[in-house]
C-alpha atoms as a PDB file:
ATOM      1  CA  MET A   1     139.199 101.086-101.748  1.00  0.00           C
ATOM      2  CA  SER A   2     142.144 101.777 -99.514  1.00  0.00           C
ATOM      3  CA  ARG A   3     142.491 100.660 -95.516  1.00  0.00           C
ATOM      4  CA  THR A   4     141.885 103.991 -94.865  1.00  0.00           C
ATOM      5  CA  GLY A   5     139.079 104.431 -96.280  1.00  0.00           C
ATOM      6  CA  SER A   6     137.330 101.703 -95.034  1.00  0.00           C
ATOM      7  CA  LYS A   7     138.318 102.876 -91.314  1.00  0.00           C
ATOM      8  CA  ASP A   8     137.030 106.034 -92.142  1.00  0.00           C
ATOM      9  CA  ASP A   9     134.026 104.635 -93.291  1.00  0.00           C
ATOM     10  CA  GLY A  10     133.678 102.509 -89.817  1.00  0.00           C
ATOM     11  CA  ASP A  11     135.012 105.091 -87.136  1.00  0.00           C
ATOM     12  CA  GLU A  12     131.930 107.339 -89.177  1.00  0.00           C
ATOM     13  CA  LEU A  13     129.295 104.290 -88.967  1.00  0.00           C
ATOM     14  CA  LEU A  14     130.002 103.581 -84.805  1.00  0.00           C
ATOM     15  CA  THR A  15     129.659 107.401 -84.400  1.00  0.00           C
ATOM     16  CA  ARG A  16     126.437 106.869 -86.270  1.00  0.00           C
ATOM     17  CA  LEU A  17     125.292 104.276 -83.785  1.00  0.00           C
ATOM     18  CA  SER A  18     126.853 105.897 -80.963  1.00  0.00           C
ATOM     19  CA  THR A  19     124.999 108.975 -81.286  1.00  0.00           C
ATOM     20  CA  LEU A  20     121.677 106.498 -82.167  1.00  0.00           C
ATOM     21  CA  THR A  21     122.258 104.260 -78.980  1.00  0.00           C
ATOM     22  CA  ALA A  22     121.841 107.467 -76.898  1.00  0.00           C
ATOM     23  CA  GLN A  23     119.072 109.566 -78.800  1.00  0.00           C
ATOM     24  CA  ALA A  24     117.290 105.843 -77.779  1.00  0.00           C
ATOM     25  CA  ARG A  25     118.934 106.392 -74.241  1.00  0.00           C
ATOM     26  CA  ALA A  26     117.288 109.369 -73.449  1.00  0.00           C
ATOM     27  CA  GLN A  27     113.736 108.359 -75.350  1.00  0.00           C
ATOM     28  CA  ALA A  28     113.648 105.441 -73.416  1.00  0.00           C
ATOM     29  CA  GLU A  29     114.564 108.028 -70.117  1.00  0.00           C
ATOM     30  CA  VAL A  30     111.714 110.420 -71.103  1.00  0.00           C
ATOM     31  CA  GLN A  31     109.290 107.475 -71.161  1.00  0.00           C
ATOM     32  CA  ARG A  32     110.112 105.853 -68.083  1.00  0.00           C
ATOM     33  CA  SER A  33     110.109 109.128 -66.453  1.00  0.00           C
ATOM     34  CA  ARG A  34     106.288 109.605 -68.028  1.00  0.00           C
ATOM     35  CA  VAL A  35     105.312 106.370 -66.665  1.00  0.00           C
ATOM     36  CA  GLU A  36     106.537 106.924 -63.738  1.00  0.00           C
ATOM     37  CA  LEU A  37     104.158 110.133 -63.387  1.00  0.00           C
ATOM     38  CA  ALA A  38     101.625 108.893 -64.281  1.00  0.00           C
ATOM     39  CA  VAL A  39     101.612 106.081 -61.820  1.00  0.00           C
ATOM     40  CA  ALA A  40     102.223 108.327 -59.287  1.00  0.00           C
ATOM     41  CA  LEU A  41      98.856 110.515 -60.744  1.00  0.00           C
ATOM     42  CA  GLN A  42      97.332 107.579 -60.398  1.00  0.00           C
ATOM     43  CA  ARG A  43      98.287 106.208 -56.729  1.00  0.00           C
ATOM     44  CA  GLY A  44      97.964 109.916 -55.154  1.00  0.00           C
ATOM     45  CA  MET A  45      94.696 110.159 -56.617  1.00  0.00           C
ATOM     46  CA  LEU A  46      93.217 106.827 -55.310  1.00  0.00           C
ATOM     47  CA  PRO A  47      91.594 107.506 -51.779  1.00  0.00           C
ATOM     48  CA  ARG A  48      93.762 107.029 -48.903  1.00  0.00           C
ATOM     49  CA  GLY A  49      90.968 105.151 -46.657  1.00  0.00           C
ATOM     50  CA  LEU A  50      87.484 103.592 -46.420  1.00  0.00           C
ATOM     51  CA  PRO A  51      84.874 104.747 -45.023  1.00  0.00           C
ATOM     52  CA  THR A  52      83.437 102.630 -41.674  1.00  0.00           C
ATOM     53  CA  ALA A  53      79.914 102.051 -40.747  1.00  0.00           C
ATOM     54  CA  ASP A  54      77.915  99.429 -38.638  1.00  0.00           C
ATOM     55  CA  GLY A  55      77.894  95.910 -40.591  1.00  0.00           C
ATOM     56  CA  VAL A  56      79.569  97.218 -43.304  1.00  0.00           C
ATOM     57  CA  ARG A  57      82.253  96.066 -44.683  1.00  0.00           C
ATOM     58  CA  LEU A  58      84.307  97.338 -47.938  1.00  0.00           C
ATOM     59  CA  ALA A  59      87.497  96.385 -49.494  1.00  0.00           C
ATOM     60  CA  VAL A  60      89.337  97.282 -52.211  1.00  0.00           C
ATOM     61  CA  ARG A  61      92.308  95.875 -54.793  1.00  0.00           C
ATOM     62  CA  TYR A  62      93.902  97.882 -57.870  1.00  0.00           C
ATOM     63  CA  VAL A  63      97.348  96.532 -60.360  1.00  0.00           C
ATOM     64  CA  PRO A  64      97.810  99.660 -62.386  1.00  0.00           C
ATOM     65  CA  ALA A  65      99.194  99.254 -65.620  1.00  0.00           C
ATOM     66  CA  ASN A  66     102.945  99.645 -65.639  1.00  0.00           C
ATOM     67  CA  GLN A  67     103.908  97.133 -67.588  1.00  0.00           C
ATOM     68  CA  GLY A  68     105.801  98.597 -70.967  1.00  0.00           C
ATOM     69  CA  LEU A  69     105.011 101.797 -71.950  1.00  0.00           C
ATOM     70  CA  ASN A  70     101.236 101.613 -71.126  1.00  0.00           C
ATOM     71  CA  VAL A  71      99.683 103.125 -68.107  1.00  0.00           C
ATOM     72  CA  GLY A  72      95.996 103.129 -67.851  1.00  0.00           C
ATOM     73  CA  GLY A  73      93.054 105.105 -65.604  1.00  0.00           C
ATOM     74  CA  ASP A  74      90.982 103.153 -63.504  1.00  0.00           C
ATOM     75  CA  TRP A  75      90.154 104.198 -60.330  1.00  0.00           C
ATOM     76  CA  TYR A  76      87.940 103.425 -57.285  1.00  0.00           C
ATOM     77  CA  ASP A  77      86.490 105.937 -54.673  1.00  0.00           C
ATOM     78  CA  ALA A  78      84.599 105.218 -51.450  1.00  0.00           C
ATOM     79  CA  PHE A  79      83.533 108.625 -49.366  1.00  0.00           C
ATOM     80  CA  THR A  80      80.668 109.484 -46.759  1.00  0.00           C
ATOM     81  CA  VAL A  81      77.998 112.183 -48.300  1.00  0.00           C
ATOM     82  CA  PRO A  82      76.855 114.663 -46.055  1.00  0.00           C
ATOM     83  CA  ASP A  83      73.764 113.148 -45.860  1.00  0.00           C
ATOM     84  CA  GLY A  84      75.167 109.588 -44.368  1.00  0.00           C
ATOM     85  CA  ARG A  85      75.182 107.989 -47.147  1.00  0.00           C
ATOM     86  CA  ILE A  86      78.361 106.268 -48.810  1.00  0.00           C
ATOM     87  CA  GLY A  87      79.107 106.989 -52.112  1.00  0.00           C
ATOM     88  CA  LEU A  88      81.018 103.977 -54.435  1.00  0.00           C
ATOM     89  CA  SER A  89      82.362 104.740 -57.829  1.00  0.00           C
ATOM     90  CA  ILE A  90      84.940 102.946 -60.041  1.00  0.00           C
ATOM     91  CA  GLY A  91      85.859 103.739 -63.788  1.00  0.00           C
ATOM     92  CA  ASP A  92      87.975 102.781 -66.837  1.00  0.00           C
ATOM     93  CA  VAL A  93      89.558 106.475 -68.853  1.00  0.00           C
ATOM     94  CA  GLN A  94      89.835 105.906 -72.404  1.00  0.00           C
ATOM     95  CA  GLY A  95      93.667 105.639 -72.734  1.00  0.00           C
ATOM     96  CA  HIS A  96      97.003 104.370 -71.302  1.00  0.00           C
ATOM     97  CA  ASN A  97      98.937 108.031 -70.297  1.00  0.00           C
ATOM     98  CA  ILE A  98      99.493 110.693 -67.959  1.00  0.00           C
ATOM     99  CA  GLU A  99      96.107 112.132 -70.228  1.00  0.00           C
ATOM    100  CA  ALA A 100      93.777 109.299 -69.017  1.00  0.00           C
ATOM    101  CA  ALA A 101      95.108 109.712 -65.407  1.00  0.00           C
ATOM    102  CA  ALA A 102      95.111 113.102 -64.920  1.00  0.00           C
ATOM    103  CA  PHE A 103      90.978 112.848 -66.332  1.00  0.00           C
ATOM    104  CA  MET A 104      90.733 110.200 -64.037  1.00  0.00           C
ATOM    105  CA  GLY A 105      91.617 112.332 -61.911  1.00  0.00           C
ATOM    106  CA  GLN A 106      89.578 114.948 -63.034  1.00  0.00           C
ATOM    107  CA  ILE A 107      86.490 112.734 -62.943  1.00  0.00           C
ATOM    108  CA  ARG A 108      87.263 111.469 -59.349  1.00  0.00           C
ATOM    109  CA  VAL A 109      87.498 114.472 -57.784  1.00  0.00           C
ATOM    110  CA  GLY A 110      84.019 115.333 -59.352  1.00  0.00           C
ATOM    111  CA  LEU A 111      82.298 112.814 -58.771  1.00  0.00           C
ATOM    112  CA  ARG A 112      82.962 113.806 -54.827  1.00  0.00           C
ATOM    113  CA  ALA A 113      82.134 117.861 -54.805  1.00  0.00           C
ATOM    114  CA  LEU A 114      78.579 117.224 -56.842  1.00  0.00           C
ATOM    115  CA  ALA A 115      78.252 114.475 -54.769  1.00  0.00           C
ATOM    116  CA  SER A 116      78.639 116.638 -51.970  1.00  0.00           C
ATOM    117  CA  VAL A 117      75.688 118.959 -53.512  1.00  0.00           C
ATOM    118  CA  ASP A 118      73.621 115.708 -54.719  1.00  0.00           C
ATOM    119  CA  SER A 119      74.244 112.071 -54.141  1.00  0.00           C
ATOM    120  CA  ASP A 120      71.447 110.873 -56.414  1.00  0.00           C
ATOM    121  CA  PRO A 121      73.500 108.339 -58.288  1.00  0.00           C
ATOM    122  CA  GLY A 122      71.635 108.942 -61.729  1.00  0.00           C
ATOM    123  CA  GLU A 123      71.765 113.443 -61.223  1.00  0.00           C
ATOM    124  CA  LEU A 124      75.319 112.553 -60.155  1.00  0.00           C
ATOM    125  CA  LEU A 125      76.311 111.115 -63.174  1.00  0.00           C
ATOM    126  CA  THR A 126      74.536 113.832 -65.373  1.00  0.00           C
ATOM    127  CA  ARG A 127      76.419 116.526 -63.458  1.00  0.00           C
ATOM    128  CA  THR A 128      79.381 114.889 -64.095  1.00  0.00           C
ATOM    129  CA  ASN A 129      79.172 113.820 -67.689  1.00  0.00           C
ATOM    130  CA  GLU A 130      78.487 117.727 -68.496  1.00  0.00           C
ATOM    131  CA  LEU A 131      81.119 119.340 -66.206  1.00  0.00           C
ATOM    132  CA  LEU A 132      83.587 116.786 -68.219  1.00  0.00           C
ATOM    133  CA  LEU A 133      82.258 117.403 -71.582  1.00  0.00           C
ATOM    134  CA  THR A 134      83.570 120.978 -70.860  1.00  0.00           C
ATOM    135  CA  LEU A 135      87.249 120.000 -69.821  1.00  0.00           C
ATOM    136  CA  SER A 136      87.991 117.729 -72.737  1.00  0.00           C
ATOM    137  CA  PRO A 137      85.918 116.772 -75.492  1.00  0.00           C
ATOM    138  CA  ASP A 138      88.852 114.160 -76.485  1.00  0.00           C
ATOM    139  CA  LEU A 139      88.624 111.753 -73.662  1.00  0.00           C
ATOM    140  CA  PHE A 140      85.232 109.556 -72.306  1.00  0.00           C
ATOM    141  CA  ALA A 141      84.585 107.126 -69.051  1.00  0.00           C
ATOM    142  CA  THR A 142      82.906 104.572 -68.410  1.00  0.00           C
ATOM    143  CA  CYS A 143      81.533 104.844 -64.806  1.00  0.00           C
ATOM    144  CA  THR A 144      79.278 103.466 -62.200  1.00  0.00           C
ATOM    145  CA  PHE A 145      78.624 104.995 -58.920  1.00  0.00           C
ATOM    146  CA  LEU A 146      76.421 103.593 -56.026  1.00  0.00           C
ATOM    147  CA  ARG A 147      74.602 105.261 -52.893  1.00  0.00           C
ATOM    148  CA  LEU A 148      74.772 102.626 -49.651  1.00  0.00           C
ATOM    149  CA  ASP A 149      72.233 103.504 -46.958  1.00  0.00           C
ATOM    150  CA  PRO A 150      73.853 101.302 -44.298  1.00  0.00           C
ATOM    151  CA  ARG A 151      70.821 101.524 -42.230  1.00  0.00           C
ATOM    152  CA  THR A 152      68.470  99.983 -44.671  1.00  0.00           C
ATOM    153  CA  ARG A 153      70.888  98.249 -46.873  1.00  0.00           C
ATOM    154  CA  LEU A 154      69.758 100.049 -49.562  1.00  0.00           C
ATOM    155  CA  LEU A 155      72.201 100.156 -52.633  1.00  0.00           C
ATOM    156  CA  GLU A 156      71.039 102.654 -55.272  1.00  0.00           C
ATOM    157  CA  SER A 157      73.014 102.525 -58.760  1.00  0.00           C
ATOM    158  CA  ALA A 158      73.685 104.184 -62.355  1.00  0.00           C
ATOM    159  CA  ARG A 159      75.696 103.362 -64.580  1.00  0.00           C
ATOM    160  CA  ALA A 160      77.446 105.724 -67.447  1.00  0.00           C
ATOM    161  CA  GLY A 161      79.161 102.904 -69.929  1.00  0.00           C
ATOM    162  CA  HIS A 162      80.596 101.380 -66.838  1.00  0.00           C
ATOM    163  CA  LEU A 163      80.419  97.234 -66.578  1.00  0.00           C
ATOM    164  CA  PRO A 164      77.695  96.302 -64.024  1.00  0.00           C
ATOM    165  CA  CYS A 165      77.671  94.759 -60.683  1.00  0.00           C
ATOM    166  CA  VAL A 166      77.983  91.110 -59.959  1.00  0.00           C
ATOM    167  CA  TRP A 167      75.913  90.376 -56.571  1.00  0.00           C
ATOM    168  CA  ALA A 168      75.921  87.924 -53.717  1.00  0.00           C
ATOM    169  CA  THR A 169      73.859  86.156 -51.416  1.00  0.00           C
ATOM    170  CA  ALA A 170      74.085  84.526 -47.960  1.00  0.00           C
ATOM    171  CA  ASP A 171      72.597  81.449 -49.083  1.00  0.00           C
ATOM    172  CA  GLY A 172      75.294  81.434 -51.913  1.00  0.00           C
ATOM    173  CA  ARG A 173      72.417  82.534 -54.833  1.00  0.00           C
ATOM    174  CA  SER A 174      74.920  84.301 -57.565  1.00  0.00           C
ATOM    175  CA  GLY A 175      74.772  86.694 -60.675  1.00  0.00           C
ATOM    176  CA  VAL A 176      74.719  89.691 -62.185  1.00  0.00           C
ATOM    177  CA  THR A 177      72.769  92.948 -62.297  1.00  0.00           C
ATOM    178  CA  GLU A 178      70.702  93.881 -65.138  1.00  0.00           C
ATOM    179  CA  ASP A 179      69.898  97.683 -64.296  1.00  0.00           C
ATOM    180  CA  GLU A 180      69.547 100.071 -67.482  1.00  0.00           C
ATOM    181  CA  GLY A 181      73.060 101.985 -67.564  1.00  0.00           C
ATOM    182  CA  GLY A 182      73.468 105.015 -69.917  1.00  0.00           C
ATOM    183  CA  PRO A 183      76.195 106.548 -72.089  1.00  0.00           C
ATOM    184  CA  PRO A 184      80.227 106.651 -70.863  1.00  0.00           C
ATOM    185  CA  LEU A 185      80.771 109.585 -69.255  1.00  0.00           C
ATOM    186  CA  GLY A 186      82.235 112.699 -71.785  1.00  0.00           C
ATOM    187  CA  VAL A 187      80.415 111.228 -74.334  1.00  0.00           C
ATOM    188  CA  GLN A 188      77.059 112.781 -75.502  1.00  0.00           C
ATOM    189  CA  SER A 189      75.689 116.070 -73.295  1.00  0.00           C
ATOM    190  CA  GLY A 190      72.244 115.265 -71.996  1.00  0.00           C
ATOM    191  CA  ALA A 191      72.777 112.071 -71.499  1.00  0.00           C
ATOM    192  CA  VAL A 192      70.408 110.213 -68.841  1.00  0.00           C
ATOM    193  CA  PHE A 193      71.427 107.661 -66.373  1.00  0.00           C
ATOM    194  CA  PRO A 194      68.758 105.528 -64.846  1.00  0.00           C
ATOM    195  CA  VAL A 195      69.085 104.356 -61.196  1.00  0.00           C
ATOM    196  CA  THR A 196      68.460 100.681 -59.575  1.00  0.00           C
ATOM    197  CA  ARG A 197      67.670  99.811 -56.643  1.00  0.00           C
ATOM    198  CA  HIS A 198      68.992  96.850 -54.651  1.00  0.00           C
ATOM    199  CA  ARG A 199      68.738  95.871 -51.256  1.00  0.00           C
ATOM    200  CA  LEU A 200      71.856  94.515 -49.486  1.00  0.00           C
ATOM    201  CA  ASP A 201      71.273  90.592 -48.350  1.00  0.00           C
ATOM    202  CA  SER A 202      72.775  90.581 -44.289  1.00  0.00           C
ATOM    203  CA  GLY A 203      75.527  88.616 -44.972  1.00  0.00           C
ATOM    204  CA  GLY A 204      76.067  89.255 -49.099  1.00  0.00           C
ATOM    205  CA  VAL A 205      77.626  91.208 -51.086  1.00  0.00           C
ATOM    206  CA  PHE A 206      78.295  93.546 -53.800  1.00  0.00           C
ATOM    207  CA  VAL A 207      81.255  93.192 -56.856  1.00  0.00           C
ATOM    208  CA  MET A 208      82.190  96.878 -58.747  1.00  0.00           C
ATOM    209  CA  VAL A 209      84.783  95.885 -61.255  1.00  0.00           C
ATOM    210  CA  THR A 210      86.764  97.090 -64.468  1.00  0.00           C
ATOM    211  CA  ASP A 211      87.207  95.612 -67.576  1.00  0.00           C
ATOM    212  CA  GLY A 212      90.598  94.460 -66.797  1.00  0.00           C
ATOM    213  CA  VAL A 213      89.716  92.409 -63.893  1.00  0.00           C
ATOM    214  CA  VAL A 214      87.325  89.979 -66.743  1.00  0.00           C
ATOM    215  CA  GLU A 215      87.960  90.038 -70.237  1.00  0.00           C
ATOM    216  CA  GLY A 216      91.152  90.144 -72.149  1.00  0.00           C
ATOM    217  CA  PRO A 217      92.717  87.814 -74.977  1.00  0.00           C
ATOM    218  CA  SER A 218      92.931  85.115 -72.744  1.00  0.00           C
ATOM    219  CA  MET A 219      88.704  85.314 -71.493  1.00  0.00           C
ATOM    220  CA  HIS A 220      85.866  86.166 -72.977  1.00  0.00           C
ATOM    221  CA  LEU A 221      83.557  88.989 -70.853  1.00  0.00           C
ATOM    222  CA  ASP A 222      80.730  86.786 -69.933  1.00  0.00           C
ATOM    223  CA  GLU A 223      83.169  84.271 -68.592  1.00  0.00           C
ATOM    224  CA  GLY A 224      84.855  86.356 -66.725  1.00  0.00           C
ATOM    225  CA  MET A 225      81.799  87.756 -65.269  1.00  0.00           C
ATOM    226  CA  ASP A 226      80.696  84.549 -64.657  1.00  0.00           C
ATOM    227  CA  GLN A 227      83.690  83.560 -62.387  1.00  0.00           C
ATOM    228  CA  VAL A 228      83.310  86.576 -60.189  1.00  0.00           C
ATOM    229  CA  ALA A 229      79.919  85.575 -59.387  1.00  0.00           C
ATOM    230  CA  ARG A 230      80.961  82.510 -58.326  1.00  0.00           C
ATOM    231  CA  LEU A 231      83.485  83.532 -56.192  1.00  0.00           C
ATOM    232  CA  ALA A 232      80.847  85.645 -54.426  1.00  0.00           C
ATOM    233  CA  GLY A 233      78.811  83.163 -54.125  1.00  0.00           C
ATOM    234  CA  VAL A 234      80.869  80.910 -52.312  1.00  0.00           C
ATOM    235  CA  ALA A 235      82.290  83.902 -50.229  1.00  0.00           C
ATOM    236  CA  ALA A 236      79.062  84.875 -49.263  1.00  0.00           C
ATOM    237  CA  VAL A 237      78.678  81.328 -48.050  1.00  0.00           C
ATOM    238  CA  ALA A 238      81.844  80.776 -46.622  1.00  0.00           C
ATOM    239  CA  ARG A 239      81.650  84.404 -44.559  1.00  0.00           C
ATOM    240  CA  MET A 240      84.385  85.369 -46.372  1.00  0.00           C
ATOM    241  CA  ASP A 241      86.059  88.164 -45.211  1.00  0.00           C
ATOM    242  CA  ALA A 242      85.368  91.348 -47.622  1.00  0.00           C
ATOM    243  CA  ASP A 243      88.795  91.921 -48.134  1.00  0.00           C
ATOM    244  CA  ALA A 244      89.779  88.446 -48.462  1.00  0.00           C
ATOM    245  CA  LEU A 245      86.610  88.754 -51.664  1.00  0.00           C
ATOM    246  CA  ALA A 246      88.665  91.227 -53.203  1.00  0.00           C
ATOM    247  CA  ALA A 247      92.059  89.422 -53.036  1.00  0.00           C
ATOM    248  CA  ALA A 248      90.361  86.452 -54.761  1.00  0.00           C
ATOM    249  CA  VAL A 249      88.664  88.763 -57.030  1.00  0.00           C
ATOM    250  CA  ILE A 250      91.688  90.058 -58.384  1.00  0.00           C
ATOM    251  CA  LYS A 251      93.870  87.168 -58.843  1.00  0.00           C
ATOM    252  CA  GLY A 252      91.535  85.586 -60.824  1.00  0.00           C
ATOM    253  CA  ALA A 253      92.756  89.237 -63.681  1.00  0.00           C
ATOM    254  CA  GLU A 254      96.045  87.180 -64.143  1.00  0.00           C
ATOM    255  CA  GLU A 255      93.813  84.996 -66.286  1.00  0.00           C
ATOM    256  CA  VAL A 256      92.885  87.633 -68.811  1.00  0.00           C
ATOM    257  CA  GLY A 257      95.772  87.437 -70.456  1.00  0.00           C
ATOM    258  CA  HIS A 258      96.709  91.537 -71.071  1.00  0.00           C
ATOM    259  CA  ASP A 259      98.338  94.116 -68.350  1.00  0.00           C
ATOM    260  CA  ASP A 260      95.166  96.337 -68.688  1.00  0.00           C
ATOM    261  CA  ASP A 261      94.246  98.134 -65.442  1.00  0.00           C
ATOM    262  CA  ALA A 262      92.539  95.572 -62.561  1.00  0.00           C
ATOM    263  CA  ALA A 263      89.725  97.443 -60.125  1.00  0.00           C
ATOM    264  CA  VAL A 264      87.967  95.565 -57.655  1.00  0.00           C
ATOM    265  CA  LEU A 265      85.600  97.248 -55.111  1.00  0.00           C
ATOM    266  CA  VAL A 266      83.439  95.062 -52.421  1.00  0.00           C
ATOM    267  CA  ILE A 267      81.166  96.497 -50.532  1.00  0.00           C
ATOM    268  CA  GLY A 268      80.091  93.145 -47.675  1.00  0.00           C
ATOM    269  CA  HIS A 269      77.265  93.358 -45.009  1.00  0.00           C
ATOM    270  CA  ASP A 270      78.091  91.232 -42.015  1.00  0.00           C
ATOM    271  CA  ARG A 271      75.474  89.011 -40.886  1.00  0.00           C
ATOM    272  CA  LEU A 272      74.410  88.482 -37.547  1.00  0.00           C
ATOM    273  CA  ASP A 273      72.533  85.584 -35.802  1.00  0.00           C
ATOM    274  CA  GLY A 274      68.791  85.962 -35.699  1.00  0.00           C
ATOM    275  CA  GLN A 275      69.846  88.498 -38.544  1.00  0.00           C
ATOM    276  CA  PRO A 276      67.136  88.136 -41.624  1.00  0.00           C
END
């Protein structure tokens, strides 16, 4: 082969490599923009503040899965319903993309809107489920919705395929709720979501989490839930601030071994001297 031929072949190879490099950079920029958009959707759809009520302590932590090309659809929410009680939700949308983040927003808005009409947890999840089936039949989500009466400390809970809650009392007892749940939202028409009632102990806490906090390659689900229960028990005995407990739980999520979304919502009640 002549030197001229070799030079021409080399120039063609460099040109092709340059073209492929430019295409790869363009694709990476598009994907980066998609990730930034999804993260912006996530953050923009999460509540900017939490409700306040005498004796009630609420705290949250949220870490989005924005490493690499993964963007999840976890969410939390807390708001006051028309009858004065507090609605709280946490959930996880299938998928790690813009569609998942947008679907998360639809669920959160739907829950809030329907709660203004009927805040019963079971009925609320039933109505939300039927709504989602008409909006996006290809996506589904797990969710827990709680309704808290600050005066009586009564917690009413319904689950749609989501993880149970963790509880702890002022004397240090703790565990995982054993309430019955229904299927994930957006899967089955006519689904029923049983309601379970709990009493929030003075000085006690309830903790709601998504699976990114308690399950992954480095941690089995049972182990993760037990870890949160232990933290909650210690926090209740030590009268730890709800915000400090939420921070401790989300810190433990680093041990699960992946970059999934992680969300924590802590519900506590102040323990006053002489109060039962």
